[in-house]
PDB file of all heavy atoms in Angstrom:
ATOM      1  N   VAL A   1       0.768  -1.153  -0.018  1.00  0.00           N
ATOM      2  CA  VAL A   1       0.029   0.034  -0.033  1.00  0.00           C
ATOM      3  C   VAL A   1       0.968   1.207  -0.049  1.00  0.00           C
ATOM      4  O   VAL A   1       1.801   1.347   0.863  1.00  0.00           O
ATOM      5  CB  VAL A   1      -0.942  -0.039   1.249  1.00  0.00           C
ATOM      6  CG1 VAL A   1      -1.650   1.276   1.362  1.00  0.00           C
ATOM      7  CG2 VAL A   1      -1.903  -1.143   1.122  1.00  0.00           C
ATOM      8  N   GLY A   2       0.681   2.123  -0.935  1.00  0.00           N
ATOM      9  CA  GLY A   2       1.556   3.260  -1.107  1.00  0.00           C
ATOM     10  C   GLY A   2       2.042   4.033   0.073  1.00  0.00           C
ATOM     11  O   GLY A   2       3.179   4.116   0.233  1.00  0.00           O
ATOM     12  N   PRO A   3       1.169   4.427   0.939  1.00  0.00           N
ATOM     13  CA  PRO A   3       1.592   5.204   2.160  1.00  0.00           C
ATOM     14  C   PRO A   3       1.937   4.315   3.311  1.00  0.00           C
ATOM     15  O   PRO A   3       1.837   4.784   4.512  1.00  0.00           O
ATOM     16  CB  PRO A   3       0.356   6.164   2.473  1.00  0.00           C
ATOM     17  CG  PRO A   3      -0.657   5.918   1.381  1.00  0.00           C
ATOM     18  CD  PRO A   3      -0.346   4.594   0.755  1.00  0.00           C
ATOM     19  N   ALA A   4       2.304   3.067   3.137  1.00  0.00           N
ATOM     20  CA  ALA A   4       2.411   2.099   4.184  1.00  0.00           C
ATOM     21  C   ALA A   4       3.522   2.680   5.209  1.00  0.00           C
ATOM     22  O   ALA A   4       3.414   2.492   6.481  1.00  0.00           O
ATOM     23  CB  ALA A   4       2.944   0.702   3.688  1.00  0.00           C
ATOM     24  N   ALA A   5       4.552   3.223   4.611  1.00  0.00           N
ATOM     25  CA  ALA A   5       5.705   3.789   5.521  1.00  0.00           C
ATOM     26  C   ALA A   5       5.059   4.836   6.457  1.00  0.00           C
ATOM     27  O   ALA A   5       5.335   4.931   7.611  1.00  0.00           O
ATOM     28  CB  ALA A   5       6.758   4.419   4.666  1.00  0.00           C
ATOM     29  N   GLU A   6       4.258   5.721   5.882  1.00  0.00           N
ATOM     30  CA  GLU A   6       3.659   6.780   6.640  1.00  0.00           C
ATOM     31  C   GLU A   6       2.720   6.212   7.702  1.00  0.00           C
ATOM     32  O   GLU A   6       2.685   6.632   8.865  1.00  0.00           O
ATOM     33  CB  GLU A   6       3.033   7.820   5.825  1.00  0.00           C
ATOM     34  CG  GLU A   6       3.875   8.657   4.959  1.00  0.00           C
ATOM     35  CD  GLU A   6       4.213   8.073   3.523  1.00  0.00           C
ATOM     36  OE1 GLU A   6       3.961   6.811   3.375  1.00  0.00           O
ATOM     37  OE2 GLU A   6       4.582   8.767   2.629  1.00  0.00           O
ATOM     38  N   ILE A   7       1.894   5.224   7.218  1.00  0.00           N
ATOM     39  CA  ILE A   7       0.985   4.624   8.249  1.00  0.00           C
ATOM     40  C   ILE A   7       1.717   3.909   9.328  1.00  0.00           C
ATOM     41  O   ILE A   7       1.365   4.135  10.617  1.00  0.00           O
ATOM     42  CB  ILE A   7       0.090   3.641   7.515  1.00  0.00           C
ATOM     43  CG1 ILE A   7      -0.869   4.378   6.449  1.00  0.00           C
ATOM     44  CG2 ILE A   7      -0.824   2.761   8.495  1.00  0.00           C
ATOM     45  CD1 ILE A   7      -1.562   3.368   5.516  1.00  0.00           C
ATOM     46  N   GLY A   8       2.820   3.212   9.010  1.00  0.00           N
ATOM     47  CA  GLY A   8       3.564   2.445  10.018  1.00  0.00           C
ATOM     48  C   GLY A   8       4.229   3.485  10.990  1.00  0.00           C
ATOM     49  O   GLY A   8       4.205   3.242  12.207  1.00  0.00           O
ATOM     50  N   ALA A   9       4.822   4.578  10.463  1.00  0.00           N
ATOM     51  CA  ALA A   9       5.466   5.479  11.334  1.00  0.00           C
ATOM     52  C   ALA A   9       4.522   6.328  12.280  1.00  0.00           C
ATOM     53  O   ALA A   9       4.953   6.736  13.323  1.00  0.00           O
ATOM     54  CB  ALA A   9       6.280   6.507  10.381  1.00  0.00           C
ATOM     55  N   SER A  10       3.275   6.384  11.938  1.00  0.00           N
ATOM     56  CA  SER A  10       2.361   7.072  12.738  1.00  0.00           C
ATOM     57  C   SER A  10       2.016   6.355  13.964  1.00  0.00           C
ATOM     58  O   SER A  10       1.697   6.967  15.014  1.00  0.00           O
ATOM     59  CB  SER A  10       1.000   7.237  11.973  1.00  0.00           C
ATOM     60  OG  SER A  10       0.330   5.932  11.935  1.00  0.00           O
ATOM     61  N   GLY A  11       2.411   5.009  13.972  1.00  0.00           N
ATOM     62  CA  GLY A  11       2.073   4.241  15.257  1.00  0.00           C
ATOM     63  C   GLY A  11       0.527   3.925  15.351  1.00  0.00           C
ATOM     64  O   GLY A  11       0.208   3.467  16.416  1.00  0.00           O
ATOM     65  N   ALA A  12      -0.166   4.267  14.290  1.00  0.00           N
ATOM     66  CA  ALA A  12      -1.671   4.183  14.536  1.00  0.00           C
ATOM     67  C   ALA A  12      -2.223   3.059  13.525  1.00  0.00           C
ATOM     68  O   ALA A  12      -3.365   2.857  13.479  1.00  0.00           O
ATOM     69  CB  ALA A  12      -2.351   5.516  14.125  1.00  0.00           C
ATOM     70  N   GLY A  13      -1.270   2.518  12.732  1.00  0.00           N
ATOM     71  CA  GLY A  13      -1.690   1.340  11.885  1.00  0.00           C
ATOM     72  C   GLY A  13      -0.664   0.269  11.978  1.00  0.00           C
ATOM     73  O   GLY A  13       0.442   0.585  12.456  1.00  0.00           O
ATOM     74  N   VAL A  14      -0.932  -0.877  11.480  1.00  0.00           N
ATOM     75  CA  VAL A  14      -0.104  -1.927  11.476  1.00  0.00           C
ATOM     76  C   VAL A  14       0.198  -2.330  10.057  1.00  0.00           C
ATOM     77  O   VAL A  14      -0.692  -2.483   9.193  1.00  0.00           O
ATOM     78  CB  VAL A  14      -0.753  -3.268  12.061  1.00  0.00           C
ATOM     79  CG1 VAL A  14       0.287  -4.387  12.151  1.00  0.00           C
ATOM     80  CG2 VAL A  14      -1.146  -2.840  13.505  1.00  0.00           C
ATOM     81  N   VAL A  15       1.436  -2.468   9.681  1.00  0.00           N
ATOM     82  CA  VAL A  15       1.945  -2.847   8.219  1.00  0.00           C
ATOM     83  C   VAL A  15       2.454  -4.300   8.329  1.00  0.00           C
ATOM     84  O   VAL A  15       3.260  -4.581   9.187  1.00  0.00           O
ATOM     85  CB  VAL A  15       3.099  -1.870   7.843  1.00  0.00           C
ATOM     86  CG1 VAL A  15       3.528  -2.246   6.424  1.00  0.00           C
ATOM     87  CG2 VAL A  15       2.618  -0.370   7.793  1.00  0.00           C
ATOM     88  N   VAL A  16       1.915  -5.028   7.426  1.00  0.00           N
ATOM     89  CA  VAL A  16       2.221  -6.502   7.367  1.00  0.00           C
ATOM     90  C   VAL A  16       2.754  -6.941   6.102  1.00  0.00           C
ATOM     91  O   VAL A  16       2.580  -6.311   5.028  1.00  0.00           O
ATOM     92  CB  VAL A  16       0.947  -7.313   7.702  1.00  0.00           C
ATOM     93  CG1 VAL A  16       0.433  -7.001   9.139  1.00  0.00           C
ATOM     94  CG2 VAL A  16      -0.142  -7.093   6.708  1.00  0.00           C
ATOM     95  N   GLU A  17       3.396  -8.169   6.118  1.00  0.00           N
ATOM     96  CA  GLU A  17       3.685  -8.836   4.862  1.00  0.00           C
ATOM     97  C   GLU A  17       2.364  -9.443   4.326  1.00  0.00           C
ATOM     98  O   GLU A  17       1.380  -9.624   5.050  1.00  0.00           O
ATOM     99  CB  GLU A  17       4.615  -9.932   5.186  1.00  0.00           C
ATOM    100  CG  GLU A  17       5.967  -9.510   5.658  1.00  0.00           C
ATOM    101  CD  GLU A  17       6.701  -8.552   4.792  1.00  0.00           C
ATOM    102  OE1 GLU A  17       6.501  -8.672   3.584  1.00  0.00           O
ATOM    103  OE2 GLU A  17       7.627  -7.803   5.293  1.00  0.00           O
ATOM    104  N   ARG A  18       2.386  -9.668   3.041  1.00  0.00           N
ATOM    105  CA  ARG A  18       1.152  -9.996   2.320  1.00  0.00           C
ATOM    106  C   ARG A  18       1.026 -11.650   2.507  1.00  0.00           C
ATOM    107  O   ARG A  18       0.959 -12.292   1.454  1.00  0.00           O
ATOM    108  CB  ARG A  18       1.151  -9.673   0.967  1.00  0.00           C
ATOM    109  CG  ARG A  18      -0.140  -9.696   0.197  1.00  0.00           C
ATOM    110  CD  ARG A  18      -0.036  -8.879  -1.085  1.00  0.00           C
ATOM    111  NE  ARG A  18      -1.414  -9.015  -1.825  1.00  0.00           N
ATOM    112  CZ  ARG A  18      -1.526  -9.757  -2.778  1.00  0.00           C
ATOM    113  NH1 ARG A  18      -0.504 -10.622  -3.119  1.00  0.00           N
ATOM    114  NH2 ARG A  18      -2.623  -9.828  -3.464  1.00  0.00           N
ATOM    115  N   THR A  19       0.975 -12.132   3.704  1.00  0.00           N
ATOM    116  CA  THR A  19       0.874 -13.542   3.900  1.00  0.00           C
ATOM    117  C   THR A  19      -0.218 -13.770   4.909  1.00  0.00           C
ATOM    118  O   THR A  19      -0.383 -12.930   5.922  1.00  0.00           O
ATOM    119  CB  THR A  19       2.161 -14.184   4.417  1.00  0.00           C
ATOM    120  OG1 THR A  19       2.480 -13.572   5.705  1.00  0.00           O
ATOM    121  CG2 THR A  19       3.339 -13.984   3.500  1.00  0.00           C
ATOM    122  N   PRO A  20      -0.769 -14.929   4.998  1.00  0.00           N
ATOM    123  CA  PRO A  20      -1.850 -15.288   6.002  1.00  0.00           C
ATOM    124  C   PRO A  20      -1.194 -15.188   7.568  1.00  0.00           C
ATOM    125  O   PRO A  20      -1.958 -14.760   8.315  1.00  0.00           O
ATOM    126  CB  PRO A  20      -2.311 -16.708   5.659  1.00  0.00           C
ATOM    127  CG  PRO A  20      -2.088 -16.754   4.190  1.00  0.00           C
ATOM    128  CD  PRO A  20      -0.761 -16.024   3.938  1.00  0.00           C
ATOM    129  N   GLY A  21       0.015 -15.676   7.636  1.00  0.00           N
ATOM    130  CA  GLY A  21       0.678 -15.776   8.869  1.00  0.00           C
ATOM    131  C   GLY A  21       0.829 -14.339   9.488  1.00  0.00           C
ATOM    132  O   GLY A  21       0.529 -14.034  10.612  1.00  0.00           O
ATOM    133  N   SER A  22       1.336 -13.404   8.651  1.00  0.00           N
ATOM    134  CA  SER A  22       1.579 -12.047   9.110  1.00  0.00           C
ATOM    135  C   SER A  22       0.284 -11.309   9.364  1.00  0.00           C
ATOM    136  O   SER A  22       0.156 -10.614  10.353  1.00  0.00           O
ATOM    137  CB  SER A  22       2.339 -11.343   7.948  1.00  0.00           C
ATOM    138  OG  SER A  22       2.794  -9.967   8.407  1.00  0.00           O
ATOM    139  N   ILE A  23      -0.785 -11.558   8.605  1.00  0.00           N
ATOM    140  CA  ILE A  23      -2.000 -10.905   8.778  1.00  0.00           C
ATOM    141  C   ILE A  23      -2.608 -11.537  10.094  1.00  0.00           C
ATOM    142  O   ILE A  23      -3.223 -10.859  10.924  1.00  0.00           O
ATOM    143  CB  ILE A  23      -3.004 -11.162   7.630  1.00  0.00           C
ATOM    144  CG1 ILE A  23      -2.392 -10.373   6.418  1.00  0.00           C
ATOM    145  CG2 ILE A  23      -4.434 -10.734   7.931  1.00  0.00           C
ATOM    146  CD1 ILE A  23      -3.205 -10.739   5.148  1.00  0.00           C
ATOM    147  N   ALA A  24      -2.522 -12.796  10.439  1.00  0.00           N
ATOM    148  CA  ALA A  24      -2.990 -13.371  11.523  1.00  0.00           C
ATOM    149  C   ALA A  24      -2.369 -12.804  12.853  1.00  0.00           C
ATOM    150  O   ALA A  24      -2.974 -12.435  13.764  1.00  0.00           O
ATOM    151  CB  ALA A  24      -2.790 -14.991  11.510  1.00  0.00           C
ATOM    152  N   ASP A  25      -1.039 -12.587  12.719  1.00  0.00           N
ATOM    153  CA  ASP A  25      -0.329 -11.985  13.855  1.00  0.00           C
ATOM    154  C   ASP A  25      -0.879 -10.535  14.164  1.00  0.00           C
ATOM    155  O   ASP A  25      -0.985 -10.249  15.238  1.00  0.00           O
ATOM    156  CB  ASP A  25       1.212 -11.904  13.547  1.00  0.00           C
ATOM    157  CG  ASP A  25       1.907 -13.261  13.581  1.00  0.00           C
ATOM    158  OD1 ASP A  25       1.270 -14.236  14.112  1.00  0.00           O
ATOM    159  OD2 ASP A  25       3.017 -13.397  13.063  1.00  0.00           O
ATOM    160  N   ALA A  26      -1.112  -9.780  13.081  1.00  0.00           N
ATOM    161  CA  ALA A  26      -1.593  -8.411  13.293  1.00  0.00           C
ATOM    162  C   ALA A  26      -3.009  -8.472  13.816  1.00  0.00           C
ATOM    163  O   ALA A  26      -3.391  -7.700  14.790  1.00  0.00           O
ATOM    164  CB  ALA A  26      -1.620  -7.718  11.964  1.00  0.00           C
ATOM    165  N   LEU A  27      -3.889  -9.404  13.301  1.00  0.00           N
ATOM    166  CA  LEU A  27      -5.273  -9.497  13.859  1.00  0.00           C
ATOM    167  C   LEU A  27      -5.172  -9.865  15.319  1.00  0.00           C
ATOM    168  O   LEU A  27      -5.968  -9.227  15.978  1.00  0.00           O
ATOM    169  CB  LEU A  27      -6.038 -10.549  12.989  1.00  0.00           C
ATOM    170  CG  LEU A  27      -6.423 -10.081  11.630  1.00  0.00           C
ATOM    171  CD1 LEU A  27      -7.095 -11.278  10.950  1.00  0.00           C
ATOM    172  CD2 LEU A  27      -7.526  -8.932  11.740  1.00  0.00           C
ATOM    173  N   ALA A  28      -4.357 -10.814  15.659  1.00  0.00           N
ATOM    174  CA  ALA A  28      -4.236 -11.255  17.054  1.00  0.00           C
ATOM    175  C   ALA A  28      -3.794 -10.050  17.948  1.00  0.00           C
ATOM    176  O   ALA A  28      -4.323  -9.897  19.056  1.00  0.00           O
ATOM    177  CB  ALA A  28      -3.351 -12.432  17.189  1.00  0.00           C
ATOM    178  N   SER A  29      -2.838  -9.218  17.435  1.00  0.00           N
ATOM    179  CA  SER A  29      -2.325  -8.140  18.291  1.00  0.00           C
ATOM    180  C   SER A  29      -3.402  -7.101  18.456  1.00  0.00           C
ATOM    181  O   SER A  29      -3.482  -6.447  19.610  1.00  0.00           O
ATOM    182  CB  SER A  29      -1.049  -7.592  17.636  1.00  0.00           C
ATOM    183  OG  SER A  29      -1.259  -6.887  16.476  1.00  0.00           O
ATOM    184  N   VAL A  30      -4.161  -6.822  17.457  1.00  0.00           N
ATOM    185  CA  VAL A  30      -5.125  -5.794  17.492  1.00  0.00           C
ATOM    186  C   VAL A  30      -6.487  -6.291  18.346  1.00  0.00           C
ATOM    187  O   VAL A  30      -6.955  -5.563  19.154  1.00  0.00           O
ATOM    188  CB  VAL A  30      -5.660  -5.408  16.080  1.00  0.00           C
ATOM    189  CG1 VAL A  30      -6.773  -4.418  16.139  1.00  0.00           C
ATOM    190  CG2 VAL A  30      -4.332  -4.593  15.462  1.00  0.00           C
ATOM    191  N   LEU A  31      -6.896  -7.468  17.982  1.00  0.00           N
ATOM    192  CA  LEU A  31      -8.227  -7.941  18.546  1.00  0.00           C
ATOM    193  C   LEU A  31      -7.970  -8.514  19.893  1.00  0.00           C
ATOM    194  O   LEU A  31      -9.037  -8.744  20.652  1.00  0.00           O
ATOM    195  CB  LEU A  31      -8.823  -8.924  17.625  1.00  0.00           C
ATOM    196  CG  LEU A  31      -9.222  -8.434  16.125  1.00  0.00           C
ATOM    197  CD1 LEU A  31      -9.585  -9.561  15.356  1.00  0.00           C
ATOM    198  CD2 LEU A  31     -10.090  -7.322  16.143  1.00  0.00           C
ATOM    199  N   GLY A  32      -6.817  -8.908  20.219  1.00  0.00           N
ATOM    200  CA  GLY A  32      -6.591  -9.657  21.549  1.00  0.00           C
ATOM    201  C   GLY A  32      -6.540  -8.699  22.776  1.00  0.00           C
ATOM    202  O   GLY A  32      -6.575  -9.258  23.902  1.00  0.00           O
ATOM    203  N   ASN A  33      -6.548  -7.437  22.599  1.00  0.00           N
ATOM    204  CA  ASN A  33      -6.560  -6.466  23.726  1.00  0.00           C
ATOM    205  C   ASN A  33      -7.540  -5.401  23.441  1.00  0.00           C
ATOM    206  O   ASN A  33      -7.284  -4.423  22.636  1.00  0.00           O
ATOM    207  CB  ASN A  33      -5.174  -5.964  23.864  1.00  0.00           C
ATOM    208  CG  ASN A  33      -4.987  -5.048  25.119  1.00  0.00           C
ATOM    209  OD1 ASN A  33      -5.870  -4.249  25.503  1.00  0.00           O
ATOM    210  ND2 ASN A  33      -3.976  -5.207  25.957  1.00  0.00           N
ATOM    211  N   GLU A  34      -8.744  -5.423  24.046  1.00  0.00           N
ATOM    212  CA  GLU A  34      -9.836  -4.478  23.664  1.00  0.00           C
ATOM    213  C   GLU A  34      -9.534  -2.910  24.001  1.00  0.00           C
ATOM    214  O   GLU A  34      -9.686  -2.097  23.174  1.00  0.00           O
ATOM    215  CB  GLU A  34     -11.108  -4.825  24.525  1.00  0.00           C
ATOM    216  CG  GLU A  34     -12.310  -4.002  24.062  1.00  0.00           C
ATOM    217  CD  GLU A  34     -12.706  -4.161  22.656  1.00  0.00           C
ATOM    218  OE1 GLU A  34     -12.143  -4.920  21.940  1.00  0.00           O
ATOM    219  OE2 GLU A  34     -13.697  -3.457  22.255  1.00  0.00           O
ATOM    220  N   SER A  35      -8.875  -2.729  25.146  1.00  0.00           N
ATOM    221  CA  SER A  35      -8.405  -1.373  25.473  1.00  0.00           C
ATOM    222  C   SER A  35      -7.352  -0.899  24.424  1.00  0.00           C
ATOM    223  O   SER A  35      -7.477   0.309  23.996  1.00  0.00           O
ATOM    224  CB  SER A  35      -7.995  -1.187  26.936  1.00  0.00           C
ATOM    225  OG  SER A  35      -6.815  -2.019  27.076  1.00  0.00           O
ATOM    226  N   ARG A  36      -6.471  -1.716  24.053  1.00  0.00           N
ATOM    227  CA  ARG A  36      -5.464  -1.346  23.177  1.00  0.00           C
ATOM    228  C   ARG A  36      -6.083  -1.113  21.760  1.00  0.00           C
ATOM    229  O   ARG A  36      -5.790  -0.116  20.990  1.00  0.00           O
ATOM    230  CB  ARG A  36      -4.412  -2.377  22.971  1.00  0.00           C
ATOM    231  CG  ARG A  36      -3.292  -2.013  21.931  1.00  0.00           C
ATOM    232  CD  ARG A  36      -2.258  -3.105  21.868  1.00  0.00           C
ATOM    233  NE  ARG A  36      -1.238  -2.800  20.898  1.00  0.00           N
ATOM    234  CZ  ARG A  36      -1.287  -3.142  19.620  1.00  0.00           C
ATOM    235  NH1 ARG A  36      -2.301  -3.857  19.215  1.00  0.00           N
ATOM    236  NH2 ARG A  36      -0.299  -2.858  18.777  1.00  0.00           N
ATOM    237  N   ARG A  37      -7.043  -1.922  21.362  1.00  0.00           N
ATOM    238  CA  ARG A  37      -7.751  -1.772  20.062  1.00  0.00           C
ATOM    239  C   ARG A  37      -8.464  -0.390  19.979  1.00  0.00           C
ATOM    240  O   ARG A  37      -8.362   0.324  19.043  1.00  0.00           O
ATOM    241  CB  ARG A  37      -8.710  -2.871  19.933  1.00  0.00           C
ATOM    242  CG  ARG A  37      -9.391  -2.851  18.543  1.00  0.00           C
ATOM    243  CD  ARG A  37     -10.501  -3.821  18.513  1.00  0.00           C
ATOM    244  NE  ARG A  37     -11.622  -3.640  19.226  1.00  0.00           N
ATOM    245  CZ  ARG A  37     -12.573  -2.691  18.853  1.00  0.00           C
ATOM    246  NH1 ARG A  37     -12.527  -2.209  17.634  1.00  0.00           N
ATOM    247  NH2 ARG A  37     -13.632  -2.459  19.575  1.00  0.00           N
ATOM    248  N   LEU A  38      -9.192  -0.077  21.137  1.00  0.00           N
ATOM    249  CA  LEU A  38      -9.895   1.165  21.042  1.00  0.00           C
ATOM    250  C   LEU A  38      -8.953   2.282  21.144  1.00  0.00           C
ATOM    251  O   LEU A  38      -9.106   3.434  20.361  1.00  0.00           O
ATOM    252  CB  LEU A  38     -10.734   1.357  22.312  1.00  0.00           C
ATOM    253  CG  LEU A  38     -11.962   0.342  22.292  1.00  0.00           C
ATOM    254  CD1 LEU A  38     -12.674   0.212  23.730  1.00  0.00           C
ATOM    255  CD2 LEU A  38     -12.989   0.681  21.154  1.00  0.00           C
ATOM    256  N   ALA A  39      -7.805   2.251  21.847  1.00  0.00           N
ATOM    257  CA  ALA A  39      -6.926   3.389  21.894  1.00  0.00           C
ATOM    258  C   ALA A  39      -6.185   3.590  20.495  1.00  0.00           C
ATOM    259  O   ALA A  39      -5.987   4.672  20.043  1.00  0.00           O
ATOM    260  CB  ALA A  39      -5.779   3.268  22.927  1.00  0.00           C
ATOM    261  N   MET A  40      -5.881   2.408  19.870  1.00  0.00           N
ATOM    262  CA  MET A  40      -5.242   2.515  18.573  1.00  0.00           C
ATOM    263  C   MET A  40      -6.195   3.155  17.483  1.00  0.00           C
ATOM    264  O   MET A  40      -5.752   3.964  16.767  1.00  0.00           O
ATOM    265  CB  MET A  40      -4.938   1.078  18.000  1.00  0.00           C
ATOM    266  CG  MET A  40      -4.318   0.892  16.746  1.00  0.00           C
ATOM    267  SD  MET A  40      -4.050  -0.845  16.303  1.00  0.00           S
ATOM    268  CE  MET A  40      -3.395  -0.593  14.603  1.00  0.00           C
ATOM    269  N   GLY A  41      -7.584   2.933  17.619  1.00  0.00           N
ATOM    270  CA  GLY A  41      -8.488   3.385  16.686  1.00  0.00           C
ATOM    271  C   GLY A  41      -8.524   4.966  16.929  1.00  0.00           C
ATOM    272  O   GLY A  41      -8.589   5.657  15.881  1.00  0.00           O
ATOM    273  N   GLU A  42      -8.587   5.455  18.008  1.00  0.00           N
ATOM    274  CA  GLU A  42      -8.585   6.926  18.147  1.00  0.00           C
ATOM    275  C   GLU A  42      -7.371   7.642  17.893  1.00  0.00           C
ATOM    276  O   GLU A  42      -7.403   8.703  17.314  1.00  0.00           O
ATOM    277  CB  GLU A  42      -8.920   7.156  19.825  1.00  0.00           C
ATOM    278  CG  GLU A  42     -10.317   6.897  20.116  1.00  0.00           C
ATOM    279  CD  GLU A  42     -11.239   7.586  19.184  1.00  0.00           C
ATOM    280  OE1 GLU A  42     -11.273   8.767  19.058  1.00  0.00           O
ATOM    281  OE2 GLU A  42     -12.280   6.866  18.709  1.00  0.00           O
ATOM    282  N   LYS A  43      -6.176   6.948  18.136  1.00  0.00           N
ATOM    283  CA  LYS A  43      -4.991   7.515  17.648  1.00  0.00           C
ATOM    284  C   LYS A  43      -4.918   7.536  16.106  1.00  0.00           C
ATOM    285  O   LYS A  43      -4.542   8.482  15.434  1.00  0.00           O
ATOM    286  CB  LYS A  43      -3.815   6.698  18.083  1.00  0.00           C
ATOM    287  CG  LYS A  43      -2.410   7.314  17.807  1.00  0.00           C
ATOM    288  CD  LYS A  43      -1.323   6.383  18.463  1.00  0.00           C
ATOM    289  CE  LYS A  43       0.033   7.010  18.078  1.00  0.00           C
ATOM    290  NZ  LYS A  43       1.117   6.356  18.719  1.00  0.00           N
ATOM    291  N   GLY A  44      -5.404   6.523  15.470  1.00  0.00           N
ATOM    292  CA  GLY A  44      -5.447   6.434  13.953  1.00  0.00           C
ATOM    293  C   GLY A  44      -6.369   7.538  13.462  1.00  0.00           C
ATOM    294  O   GLY A  44      -6.032   8.182  12.391  1.00  0.00           O
TER     295      GLY A  44
END
């Protein structure tokens, strides 16, 4: 995704490799902690 570097540097989005494993890791990190998920959304 073109602005992936900017999204990643913002600390408000997660940049992944285009593989099921990498996507699964990101989903687990975002969905596994509800308070972190909400805070990440507001920061984004």
